[in-house]
N, C-alpha and C. Protein backbone atom coordinates (compact mmCIF):
# COMPACT_ATOMS: atom_id res chain seq x y z
N MET A 1 0.65 -1.40 -0.02
CA MET A 1 0.01 0.29 0.16
C MET A 1 1.09 1.45 0.23
N LYS A 2 0.38 2.25 -0.64
CA LYS A 2 1.27 3.35 -0.93
C LYS A 2 0.56 4.45 -0.10
N THR A 3 1.52 5.16 0.93
CA THR A 3 1.27 5.89 1.50
C THR A 3 1.39 7.74 0.84
N SER A 4 0.42 8.63 0.76
CA SER A 4 0.48 9.70 0.33
C SER A 4 0.88 10.99 1.40
N GLU A 5 2.25 11.79 0.86
CA GLU A 5 2.49 12.36 2.12
C GLU A 5 2.07 14.21 1.16
N PHE A 6 2.36 14.14 2.76
CA PHE A 6 1.90 16.02 2.37
C PHE A 6 3.08 16.70 1.72
N SER A 7 2.68 17.86 1.23
CA SER A 7 3.98 18.74 0.28
C SER A 7 3.60 19.40 1.80
N PRO A 8 5.15 20.63 2.08
CA PRO A 8 4.79 21.82 3.06
C PRO A 8 3.44 22.38 2.53
N GLU A 9 2.90 22.82 1.33
CA GLU A 9 2.25 23.92 0.77
C GLU A 9 0.61 23.09 0.96
N GLU A 10 0.52 21.84 1.12
CA GLU A 10 -0.27 21.10 1.38
C GLU A 10 -1.08 20.88 2.88
N GLY A 11 0.43 20.85 3.43
CA GLY A 11 0.21 20.73 5.02
C GLY A 11 -0.33 22.18 5.65
N LEU A 12 0.61 23.21 5.04
CA LEU A 12 0.00 24.43 5.85
C LEU A 12 -1.72 24.97 5.20
N LYS A 13 -2.05 24.36 4.19
CA LYS A 13 -3.25 24.53 3.48
C LYS A 13 -4.65 23.79 4.44
N VAL A 14 -3.85 22.88 5.22
CA VAL A 14 -4.92 22.08 5.94
C VAL A 14 -5.22 22.55 7.36
N ILE A 15 -4.06 23.09 7.58
CA ILE A 15 -3.80 24.01 8.94
C ILE A 15 -4.49 25.07 8.79
N TYR A 16 -4.79 25.89 7.68
CA TYR A 16 -4.98 26.87 7.34
C TYR A 16 -6.37 26.58 7.50
N GLU A 17 -6.76 26.09 6.50
CA GLU A 17 -8.62 25.33 6.66
C GLU A 17 -9.11 24.81 8.27
N MET A 18 -8.41 23.83 9.03
CA MET A 18 -8.38 23.82 10.08
C MET A 18 -8.67 25.03 11.26
N ILE A 19 -8.05 26.21 10.81
CA ILE A 19 -7.74 27.75 11.50
C ILE A 19 -9.40 27.97 11.25
N GLN A 20 -9.39 28.35 9.85
CA GLN A 20 -10.53 29.03 9.43
C GLN A 20 -12.08 28.04 10.48
N THR A 21 -12.25 26.98 10.06
CA THR A 21 -13.14 26.35 10.46
C THR A 21 -13.24 26.76 12.14
N ALA A 22 -12.37 26.69 12.88
CA ALA A 22 -12.74 27.10 13.78
C ALA A 22 -12.60 27.77 14.35
N LYS A 23 -12.54 29.26 13.32
CA LYS A 23 -12.87 30.31 13.93
C LYS A 23 -14.64 30.47 13.27
N SER A 24 -15.11 29.97 12.17
CA SER A 24 -16.14 29.74 12.27
C SER A 24 -17.38 29.27 12.92
N ASN A 25 -16.38 28.27 14.17
CA ASN A 25 -17.16 28.08 15.52
C ASN A 25 -17.29 28.49 16.49
N ILE A 26 -16.56 29.33 16.81
CA ILE A 26 -16.44 29.93 17.63
C ILE A 26 -16.97 31.29 17.18
N GLY A 27 -17.23 31.62 16.42
CA GLY A 27 -18.21 32.85 15.04
C GLY A 27 -19.35 32.54 15.60
N ARG A 28 -19.99 31.61 15.96
CA ARG A 28 -21.50 31.13 15.78
C ARG A 28 -21.44 31.43 17.55
N ASN A 29 -20.68 31.44 18.01
CA ASN A 29 -21.05 31.55 20.03
C ASN A 29 -20.85 32.75 20.09
N TYR A 30 -21.03 33.84 19.68
CA TYR A 30 -21.28 34.96 19.45
C TYR A 30 -21.93 35.06 20.59
N PHE A 31 -23.05 34.34 21.08
CA PHE A 31 -23.98 34.34 22.14
C PHE A 31 -23.30 34.57 23.57
N TYR A 32 -22.87 33.97 23.66
CA TYR A 32 -21.89 34.22 24.92
C TYR A 32 -21.08 35.77 24.75
N SER A 33 -20.58 36.31 23.93
CA SER A 33 -19.98 37.19 23.84
C SER A 33 -21.12 38.36 24.39
N LEU A 34 -22.51 38.34 23.46
CA LEU A 34 -23.30 39.19 23.65
C LEU A 34 -24.31 39.16 25.64
N LEU A 35 -24.33 38.09 25.48
CA LEU A 35 -24.93 37.41 26.82
C LEU A 35 -23.95 38.46 28.14
N PHE A 36 -22.83 38.16 28.30
CA PHE A 36 -21.72 38.26 29.36
C PHE A 36 -21.60 39.76 29.05
N GLY A 37 -21.67 40.55 27.92
CA GLY A 37 -21.39 41.79 27.39
C GLY A 37 -22.20 42.62 28.19
N TYR A 38 -23.94 42.16 27.27
CA TYR A 38 -25.27 42.67 28.40
C TYR A 38 -24.58 42.85 29.89
N LEU A 39 -24.57 41.78 30.14
CA LEU A 39 -24.62 41.25 31.68
C LEU A 39 -23.67 42.10 32.55
N VAL A 40 -22.69 42.16 32.13
CA VAL A 40 -21.78 43.02 33.03
C VAL A 40 -21.73 44.86 32.84
N LEU A 41 -22.95 45.31 31.30
CA LEU A 41 -23.05 46.27 31.05
C LEU A 41 -24.47 46.88 32.20
N VAL A 42 -25.21 45.71 32.63
CA VAL A 42 -26.89 45.69 32.97
C VAL A 42 -26.33 46.04 34.94
N THR A 43 -25.32 45.17 34.82
CA THR A 43 -24.84 44.74 36.29
C THR A 43 -24.19 45.82 36.94
N SER A 44 -23.04 46.68 36.38
CA SER A 44 -22.32 47.89 36.39
C SER A 44 -22.69 48.74 36.87
N LEU A 45 -24.14 49.30 36.10
CA LEU A 45 -24.98 49.95 35.64
C LEU A 45 -25.74 50.29 36.99
N SER A 46 -25.96 49.14 36.98
CA SER A 46 -27.38 48.67 37.96
C SER A 46 -26.75 48.77 39.38
N ASP A 47 -25.84 48.61 40.17
CA ASP A 47 -25.08 48.44 40.82
C ASP A 47 -24.56 50.14 41.28
N TYR A 48 -24.05 51.21 40.10
CA TYR A 48 -24.09 52.38 40.43
C TYR A 48 -25.10 52.92 40.35
N VAL A 49 -26.25 52.63 39.97
CA VAL A 49 -27.51 53.16 40.78
C VAL A 49 -28.35 52.87 42.43
N LEU A 50 -27.92 51.74 42.07
CA LEU A 50 -27.84 51.29 44.19
C LEU A 50 -27.54 52.21 44.58
N ILE A 51 -26.16 52.13 44.43
CA ILE A 51 -25.12 53.00 45.33
C ILE A 51 -24.97 54.65 45.14
N THR A 52 -25.27 55.07 44.10
CA THR A 52 -25.37 56.61 44.11
C THR A 52 -26.63 57.34 44.33
N PHE A 53 -28.16 56.37 43.43
CA PHE A 53 -29.49 56.95 43.98
C PHE A 53 -30.27 56.75 44.84
N PHE A 54 -29.64 55.24 45.51
CA PHE A 54 -30.67 54.50 46.38
C PHE A 54 -29.84 54.51 47.64
N HIS A 55 -28.68 54.78 47.76
CA HIS A 55 -27.44 54.52 48.98
C HIS A 55 -28.18 53.10 49.39
N TYR A 56 -27.90 51.85 49.12
CA TYR A 56 -28.59 50.80 49.32
C TYR A 56 -27.26 49.80 49.64
N PRO A 57 -27.50 49.45 50.72
CA PRO A 57 -25.90 49.29 51.76
C PRO A 57 -25.89 47.50 50.92
N ALA A 58 -26.04 46.82 50.30
CA ALA A 58 -26.53 45.65 49.33
C ALA A 58 -25.96 45.58 48.28
N HIS A 59 -25.69 46.56 47.50
CA HIS A 59 -25.73 46.87 46.38
C HIS A 59 -24.87 45.80 45.48
N TYR A 60 -24.20 45.36 46.45
CA TYR A 60 -22.91 44.39 45.54
C TYR A 60 -24.04 42.95 45.52
N LEU A 61 -24.91 42.88 45.74
CA LEU A 61 -25.02 41.33 45.58
C LEU A 61 -25.92 41.46 44.29
N VAL A 62 -26.21 42.79 43.26
CA VAL A 62 -26.86 42.34 41.84
C VAL A 62 -25.75 41.67 41.20
N TRP A 63 -24.08 41.72 41.96
CA TRP A 63 -23.32 40.55 40.67
C TRP A 63 -23.67 39.59 41.38
N PRO A 64 -23.36 38.77 42.45
CA PRO A 64 -24.29 37.29 42.33
C PRO A 64 -25.45 36.74 41.38
N VAL A 65 -26.15 38.09 41.87
CA VAL A 65 -27.63 37.09 41.05
C VAL A 65 -27.63 37.57 39.58
N LEU A 66 -27.18 38.43 39.32
CA LEU A 66 -27.17 38.45 38.28
C LEU A 66 -26.14 37.84 37.18
N MET A 67 -24.75 37.79 37.61
CA MET A 67 -23.90 37.06 37.15
C MET A 67 -24.19 35.03 37.22
N GLY A 68 -24.73 34.72 38.38
CA GLY A 68 -25.66 33.31 38.23
C GLY A 68 -27.08 32.69 37.25
N ILE A 69 -27.38 34.31 37.35
CA ILE A 69 -28.53 33.48 36.13
C ILE A 69 -27.55 33.64 34.86
N GLY A 70 -26.91 34.58 34.67
CA GLY A 70 -26.03 34.84 33.16
C GLY A 70 -24.92 32.74 33.30
N VAL A 71 -24.67 32.97 33.81
CA VAL A 71 -23.73 31.32 33.98
C VAL A 71 -24.81 30.29 33.68
N PHE A 72 -25.87 30.39 34.80
CA PHE A 72 -27.10 29.36 34.38
C PHE A 72 -27.05 29.25 33.02
N THR A 73 -27.64 30.63 31.74
CA THR A 73 -28.20 30.69 30.67
C THR A 73 -27.16 30.19 30.15
N ALA A 74 -25.92 30.81 30.15
CA ALA A 74 -24.86 30.07 29.27
C ALA A 74 -24.79 28.29 29.60
N VAL A 75 -24.97 27.92 30.99
CA VAL A 75 -24.31 26.28 30.55
C VAL A 75 -25.41 26.10 29.96
N VAL A 76 -26.93 26.22 29.83
CA VAL A 76 -27.91 25.68 29.62
C VAL A 76 -27.74 25.68 27.76
N PHE A 77 -27.63 26.78 27.14
CA PHE A 77 -26.83 27.09 25.94
C PHE A 77 -25.92 25.97 25.36
N ALA A 78 -25.29 26.30 26.47
CA ALA A 78 -23.94 24.98 25.80
C ALA A 78 -24.72 23.66 25.64
N ILE A 79 -25.05 22.95 26.57
CA ILE A 79 -25.71 21.86 26.80
C ILE A 79 -26.21 21.34 25.30
N ARG A 80 -27.31 22.81 25.00
CA ARG A 80 -28.47 22.39 24.06
C ARG A 80 -27.30 22.16 22.51
N GLN A 81 -26.16 23.09 22.83
CA GLN A 81 -25.49 23.36 21.62
C GLN A 81 -24.57 21.79 21.58
N LYS A 82 -24.06 21.12 22.25
CA LYS A 82 -23.70 19.99 22.39
C LYS A 82 -24.27 19.08 21.77
N LYS A 83 -25.69 18.96 21.69
CA LYS A 83 -26.40 17.51 21.74
C LYS A 83 -26.57 18.09 20.04
N ILE A 84 -26.60 19.65 19.53
CA ILE A 84 -26.29 19.70 18.24
C ILE A 84 -24.93 19.42 17.45
N GLU A 85 -23.83 20.08 18.11
CA GLU A 85 -22.24 19.68 17.61
C GLU A 85 -22.00 18.45 18.23
N HIS A 86 -21.76 17.55 17.31
CA HIS A 86 -20.86 16.40 17.79
C HIS A 86 -19.72 16.28 17.75
N HIS A 87 -18.78 17.28 17.37
CA HIS A 87 -17.11 17.04 17.21
C HIS A 87 -16.41 18.36 17.92
N LYS A 88 -15.27 17.82 18.32
CA LYS A 88 -14.38 19.22 19.01
C LYS A 88 -13.55 19.47 18.32
N SER A 89 -13.32 20.77 18.56
CA SER A 89 -12.26 21.23 17.94
C SER A 89 -10.95 22.12 18.44
N PHE A 90 -9.82 21.05 18.42
CA PHE A 90 -8.25 21.86 19.22
C PHE A 90 -9.08 23.15 19.71
N VAL A 91 -9.34 24.56 18.92
CA VAL A 91 -9.37 25.74 19.41
C VAL A 91 -10.28 25.80 20.41
N GLY A 92 -11.77 25.18 20.20
CA GLY A 92 -13.18 24.61 20.39
C GLY A 92 -12.96 24.50 22.13
N THR A 93 -11.84 23.56 22.27
CA THR A 93 -11.75 22.82 23.75
C THR A 93 -10.80 23.68 24.23
N PHE A 94 -9.73 24.25 23.53
CA PHE A 94 -8.50 25.04 24.24
C PHE A 94 -9.50 26.30 24.97
N MET A 95 -10.90 27.42 23.86
CA MET A 95 -11.24 28.05 24.44
C MET A 95 -12.05 27.93 25.36
N TRP A 96 -12.88 26.84 25.36
CA TRP A 96 -13.73 26.49 26.99
C TRP A 96 -12.89 26.08 28.17
N TYR A 97 -11.59 25.63 28.32
CA TYR A 97 -11.17 25.81 29.20
C TYR A 97 -9.99 27.15 29.68
N LEU A 98 -10.33 27.71 28.55
CA LEU A 98 -9.35 28.88 28.70
C LEU A 98 -10.93 30.01 29.95
N TRP A 99 -11.78 29.81 29.40
CA TRP A 99 -13.08 30.69 29.84
C TRP A 99 -13.36 29.70 31.00
N SER A 100 -13.27 29.02 31.24
CA SER A 100 -13.74 27.92 32.56
C SER A 100 -12.92 28.11 33.40
N GLY A 101 -11.68 28.26 33.15
CA GLY A 101 -10.50 28.47 34.08
C GLY A 101 -10.03 30.14 34.67
N TRP A 102 -10.51 30.60 33.94
CA TRP A 102 -10.97 32.46 34.09
C TRP A 102 -11.90 31.99 35.05
N LEU A 103 -13.27 31.75 34.54
CA LEU A 103 -14.14 31.86 35.58
C LEU A 103 -14.02 31.45 37.02
N ILE A 104 -13.60 30.40 37.00
CA ILE A 104 -12.97 29.78 38.70
C ILE A 104 -12.01 30.77 39.22
N SER A 105 -11.01 31.17 38.36
CA SER A 105 -10.08 32.04 39.37
C SER A 105 -10.47 33.19 39.60
N PHE A 106 -11.84 34.09 38.78
CA PHE A 106 -11.78 34.51 39.19
C PHE A 106 -13.47 34.70 40.36
N LEU A 107 -13.96 33.43 40.43
CA LEU A 107 -14.79 33.55 41.96
C LEU A 107 -13.78 33.39 43.23
N ILE A 108 -12.46 32.98 42.88
CA ILE A 108 -12.01 32.41 43.85
C ILE A 108 -10.97 33.42 44.25
N LEU A 109 -11.15 34.72 43.33
CA LEU A 109 -10.51 36.29 43.99
C LEU A 109 -11.59 36.71 44.37
N MET A 110 -12.72 36.68 44.14
CA MET A 110 -13.68 37.30 44.55
C MET A 110 -13.95 36.61 46.22
N VAL A 111 -13.54 35.89 45.85
CA VAL A 111 -13.97 35.10 48.05
C VAL A 111 -13.30 35.91 48.25
N PHE A 112 -11.70 35.68 48.36
CA PHE A 112 -10.86 35.85 48.92
C PHE A 112 -9.75 37.00 49.07
N VAL A 113 -10.39 37.96 47.99
CA VAL A 113 -9.24 39.20 47.91
C VAL A 113 -10.24 40.39 48.90
N ASN A 114 -9.75 41.23 49.37
CA ASN A 114 -10.32 42.08 50.26
C ASN A 114 -10.47 43.24 49.37
N ILE A 115 -11.93 43.67 48.93
CA ILE A 115 -12.12 44.67 48.09
C ILE A 115 -12.07 45.82 48.77
N GLU A 116 -11.95 46.49 49.98
CA GLU A 116 -11.69 47.42 50.46
C GLU A 116 -9.96 47.72 50.69
N TYR A 117 -9.06 46.88 49.61
CA TYR A 117 -8.09 47.29 50.10
C TYR A 117 -7.10 47.21 48.33
N PHE A 118 -8.52 46.33 47.42
CA PHE A 118 -8.14 46.35 46.01
C PHE A 118 -9.29 46.51 45.04
N PRO A 119 -9.31 47.35 44.17
CA PRO A 119 -10.20 47.65 43.87
C PRO A 119 -11.16 46.41 42.77
N VAL A 120 -11.99 46.25 43.05
CA VAL A 120 -12.61 45.27 42.37
C VAL A 120 -12.85 44.96 40.59
N THR A 121 -12.96 46.46 40.38
CA THR A 121 -12.90 46.99 38.91
C THR A 121 -11.55 46.73 38.10
N THR A 122 -10.70 47.05 38.79
CA THR A 122 -9.10 46.71 38.33
C THR A 122 -9.17 45.37 37.94
N LEU A 123 -9.15 44.55 38.75
CA LEU A 123 -8.81 43.02 38.54
C LEU A 123 -10.06 42.39 37.83
N ALA A 124 -10.96 42.61 37.32
CA ALA A 124 -12.04 42.08 37.02
C ALA A 124 -11.50 42.53 35.15
N LEU A 125 -11.07 43.53 35.13
CA LEU A 125 -10.64 44.69 34.34
C LEU A 125 -9.43 44.03 33.50
N SER A 126 -8.60 43.04 34.28
CA SER A 126 -7.33 43.16 33.94
C SER A 126 -7.30 41.27 33.91
N MET A 127 -8.24 41.30 34.09
CA MET A 127 -8.94 39.59 33.99
C MET A 127 -9.69 39.56 32.50
N TRP A 128 -10.22 40.07 32.06
CA TRP A 128 -10.79 40.45 31.13
C TRP A 128 -9.99 40.36 29.68
N GLY A 129 -8.78 40.94 30.09
CA GLY A 129 -7.83 41.76 29.20
C GLY A 129 -6.89 40.21 28.38
N LEU A 130 -6.77 40.06 29.72
CA LEU A 130 -5.67 38.63 29.42
C LEU A 130 -6.77 37.71 28.91
N ALA A 131 -7.65 37.15 28.98
CA ALA A 131 -8.94 36.39 28.25
C ALA A 131 -9.01 36.56 26.84
N PHE A 132 -9.33 38.11 26.74
CA PHE A 132 -9.77 38.59 25.46
C PHE A 132 -8.77 38.24 24.47
N PHE A 133 -7.34 38.70 25.13
CA PHE A 133 -6.26 39.00 24.44
C PHE A 133 -5.30 37.54 24.13
N VAL A 134 -5.94 36.55 24.77
CA VAL A 134 -4.82 35.05 24.43
C VAL A 134 -6.28 34.99 23.26
N SER A 135 -7.81 34.68 23.54
CA SER A 135 -8.75 34.67 22.65
C SER A 135 -8.49 35.32 21.14
N GLY A 136 -8.91 35.85 21.14
CA GLY A 136 -8.48 37.59 20.14
C GLY A 136 -7.38 36.48 19.49
N GLY A 137 -5.90 36.18 20.13
CA GLY A 137 -5.13 35.95 19.48
C GLY A 137 -4.74 34.33 18.73
N VAL A 138 -5.38 33.91 19.57
CA VAL A 138 -5.78 32.49 19.15
C VAL A 138 -6.50 32.53 17.74
N ILE A 139 -7.54 33.05 17.85
CA ILE A 139 -8.27 32.52 16.25
C ILE A 139 -8.49 33.73 15.34
N GLY A 140 -7.49 34.71 15.93
CA GLY A 140 -7.18 35.90 15.13
C GLY A 140 -8.39 36.63 14.97
N PHE A 141 -8.68 37.02 15.87
CA PHE A 141 -9.75 38.26 15.78
C PHE A 141 -9.41 39.03 16.31
N ARG A 142 -9.30 40.33 15.82
CA ARG A 142 -8.48 41.36 16.29
C ARG A 142 -9.69 42.63 16.82
N PRO A 143 -10.97 42.74 16.87
CA PRO A 143 -11.54 43.41 18.10
C PRO A 143 -11.35 42.78 19.39
N TRP A 144 -11.11 41.78 19.76
CA TRP A 144 -11.07 41.02 20.58
C TRP A 144 -9.30 41.64 21.50
N ILE A 145 -8.83 41.60 20.33
CA ILE A 145 -7.12 41.81 20.91
C ILE A 145 -7.13 43.62 21.62
N ILE A 146 -8.42 44.88 20.59
CA ILE A 146 -8.07 45.64 20.84
C ILE A 146 -9.14 45.69 21.83
N GLY A 147 -10.26 44.87 22.15
CA GLY A 147 -10.97 45.32 23.42
C GLY A 147 -10.36 45.17 24.51
N ALA A 148 -9.41 44.17 24.62
CA ALA A 148 -8.15 43.56 25.49
C ALA A 148 -7.36 44.63 26.27
N VAL A 149 -6.79 45.28 25.28
CA VAL A 149 -6.20 46.74 25.58
C VAL A 149 -6.74 47.84 26.27
N ILE A 150 -7.74 47.67 25.78
CA ILE A 150 -9.24 48.87 26.02
C ILE A 150 -9.57 48.79 27.57
N ALA A 151 -9.15 47.13 27.89
CA ALA A 151 -9.59 46.53 29.10
C ALA A 151 -8.65 47.32 30.02
N TRP A 152 -7.92 46.94 29.68
CA TRP A 152 -6.11 46.96 30.60
C TRP A 152 -5.80 48.47 30.67
N ALA A 153 -6.55 49.36 29.96
CA ALA A 153 -6.39 50.83 30.09
C ALA A 153 -7.22 51.20 31.05
N GLY A 154 -8.51 50.58 30.68
CA GLY A 154 -9.79 50.76 32.05
C GLY A 154 -9.32 50.41 33.17
N ALA A 155 -8.44 49.13 33.22
CA ALA A 155 -8.22 48.53 34.74
C ALA A 155 -7.31 50.03 35.14
N ILE A 156 -5.92 50.41 34.42
CA ILE A 156 -5.57 51.32 35.46
C ILE A 156 -6.13 52.09 35.52
N ILE A 157 -6.70 53.02 34.50
CA ILE A 157 -7.57 54.16 35.01
C ILE A 157 -8.67 53.77 36.42
N SER A 158 -9.08 52.34 36.26
CA SER A 158 -10.11 52.22 37.66
C SER A 158 -9.43 52.43 39.03
N PHE A 159 -8.15 52.12 39.46
CA PHE A 159 -7.24 51.80 39.98
C PHE A 159 -7.50 53.23 40.85
N PHE A 160 -7.06 54.09 40.01
CA PHE A 160 -7.00 55.69 40.83
C PHE A 160 -8.56 56.31 40.59
N CYS A 161 -9.49 55.34 40.64
CA CYS A 161 -11.02 56.09 40.69
C CYS A 161 -11.78 55.39 41.76
N PRO A 162 -12.61 56.14 42.70
CA PRO A 162 -13.89 55.47 43.03
C PRO A 162 -14.45 54.87 42.48
N TYR A 163 -14.97 53.34 43.42
CA TYR A 163 -15.72 52.12 43.12
C TYR A 163 -16.91 52.84 42.00
N THR A 164 -17.54 53.79 42.34
CA THR A 164 -18.41 54.01 41.26
C THR A 164 -18.26 54.52 39.92
N VAL A 165 -17.00 55.17 39.72
CA VAL A 165 -16.38 55.73 38.71
C VAL A 165 -15.59 54.48 37.46
N GLY A 166 -15.27 53.41 38.73
CA GLY A 166 -15.00 52.18 38.03
C GLY A 166 -15.80 51.43 37.53
N LEU A 167 -17.05 51.33 38.23
CA LEU A 167 -18.69 50.75 37.80
C LEU A 167 -18.85 51.46 36.30
N LEU A 168 -18.74 52.65 36.20
CA LEU A 168 -18.99 53.54 34.86
C LEU A 168 -17.61 53.13 33.92
N ILE A 169 -16.75 52.97 34.33
CA ILE A 169 -15.45 52.77 33.43
C ILE A 169 -15.99 50.52 32.49
N GLU A 170 -16.05 50.09 34.17
CA GLU A 170 -16.71 48.68 33.59
C GLU A 170 -17.73 48.61 32.20
N ALA A 171 -18.47 49.58 32.80
CA ALA A 171 -19.50 49.45 31.66
C ALA A 171 -19.21 49.47 30.29
N GLY A 172 -18.54 51.26 30.17
CA GLY A 172 -18.18 51.30 28.68
C GLY A 172 -16.73 50.17 28.51
N VAL A 173 -16.04 49.49 29.40
CA VAL A 173 -15.58 48.92 28.48
C VAL A 173 -16.19 47.40 28.04
N ALA A 174 -17.31 47.08 28.98
CA ALA A 174 -17.87 45.61 28.68
C ALA A 174 -18.66 46.50 27.16
N LEU A 175 -19.18 47.57 26.69
CA LEU A 175 -19.53 47.62 25.21
C LEU A 175 -18.77 47.30 24.46
N ILE A 176 -17.20 48.10 24.57
CA ILE A 176 -16.72 48.04 23.67
C ILE A 176 -16.24 46.95 23.13
N SER A 177 -15.61 46.34 24.64
CA SER A 177 -14.20 45.08 24.52
C SER A 177 -15.36 43.77 23.96
N ILE A 178 -16.26 43.75 24.64
CA ILE A 178 -17.40 42.51 24.65
C ILE A 178 -18.67 43.06 23.79
N ILE A 179 -19.45 43.85 23.65
CA ILE A 179 -20.51 43.81 23.02
C ILE A 179 -20.56 43.87 21.84
N ILE A 180 -20.21 45.18 21.34
CA ILE A 180 -19.14 45.40 19.96
C ILE A 180 -18.38 44.26 19.13
N PRO A 181 -17.75 43.46 19.50
CA PRO A 181 -17.12 42.17 19.05
C PRO A 181 -18.19 41.29 18.87
N GLY A 182 -19.24 40.80 20.23
CA GLY A 182 -20.14 40.01 20.09
C GLY A 182 -20.93 40.23 18.65
N TYR A 183 -21.49 41.82 18.35
CA TYR A 183 -22.11 42.02 17.14
C TYR A 183 -21.20 41.44 15.92
N ILE A 184 -20.07 42.04 15.54
CA ILE A 184 -19.12 41.81 14.99
C ILE A 184 -19.00 39.84 14.71
N LEU A 185 -19.15 39.29 15.72
CA LEU A 185 -18.80 38.01 15.41
C LEU A 185 -20.14 37.15 15.13
N ARG A 186 -21.39 38.58 15.34
CA ARG A 186 -22.62 37.62 15.05
C ARG A 186 -22.83 37.88 13.64
N ALA A 187 -22.35 38.76 12.54
CA ALA A 187 -22.21 39.41 11.39
C ALA A 187 -21.73 38.81 10.47
N GLN A 188 -20.25 38.23 10.82
CA GLN A 188 -19.44 37.18 10.19
C GLN A 188 -20.11 36.44 10.74
N SER A 189 -20.89 35.68 11.11
CA SER A 189 -21.56 34.49 11.35
C SER A 189 -22.70 33.91 10.06
N LYS A 190 -23.64 34.95 10.65
CA LYS A 190 -24.48 35.27 9.81
C LYS A 190 -24.04 35.38 7.96
N LYS A 191 -22.98 36.28 7.79
CA LYS A 191 -22.34 36.10 6.55
C LYS A 191 -21.65 34.79 6.02
N GLU A 192 -20.93 33.75 6.97
CA GLU A 192 -20.88 32.68 6.22
C GLU A 192 -21.81 31.59 6.30
N SER A 193 -23.00 31.32 7.25
CA SER A 193 -23.85 30.72 6.88
C SER A 193 -24.70 30.78 5.83
N HIS A 194 -24.77 32.40 4.98
CA HIS A 194 -25.32 32.63 3.57
C HIS A 194 -24.33 32.24 2.78
N VAL A 195 -23.27 32.23 3.17
CA VAL A 195 -21.88 31.41 1.85
C VAL A 195 -22.38 30.16 1.75
N SER A 196 -22.36 29.54 2.77
CA SER A 196 -22.40 27.64 3.05
C SER A 196 -23.57 27.56 2.95
């Protein structure tokens, strides 16, 4: 039996096609970007309103409640998607572990970091920057890379601001670095589904 060998050009073409397929699969997951982008936007603004206008002492409870709803919604959506999609890609698996690890690390830090001594918005924005920078780099999605830089800039600025101003920065960063890229992913996904 004769085995066929790949030329370097054919090997590169296969790798390129695998990356393009992975990008397309990630693009179809724009739902997560929009879900969490809007959740962070609404939660940040709700927290701001509860502090500024209502002087509500337990204003921070809006975070675990709304984010808990978001995580539950994302898990249900992921389970339904897994029933539809039966194959795994390396990039998809990588992204799952990256964002799951991000969530676990963030929850640990939220429980054990003393928020009085460390601005939580600085921590959150720094971690978003890392995750979006890596995600954008892996799939070659420039809006996430730009969003990561904006998140890091927001993290630095929020460090020197009161918590309420940090919430407004966080809401703005969510809009620019999560929601807008989510809509770009959605547009790309719809465009690709019309082509195929």
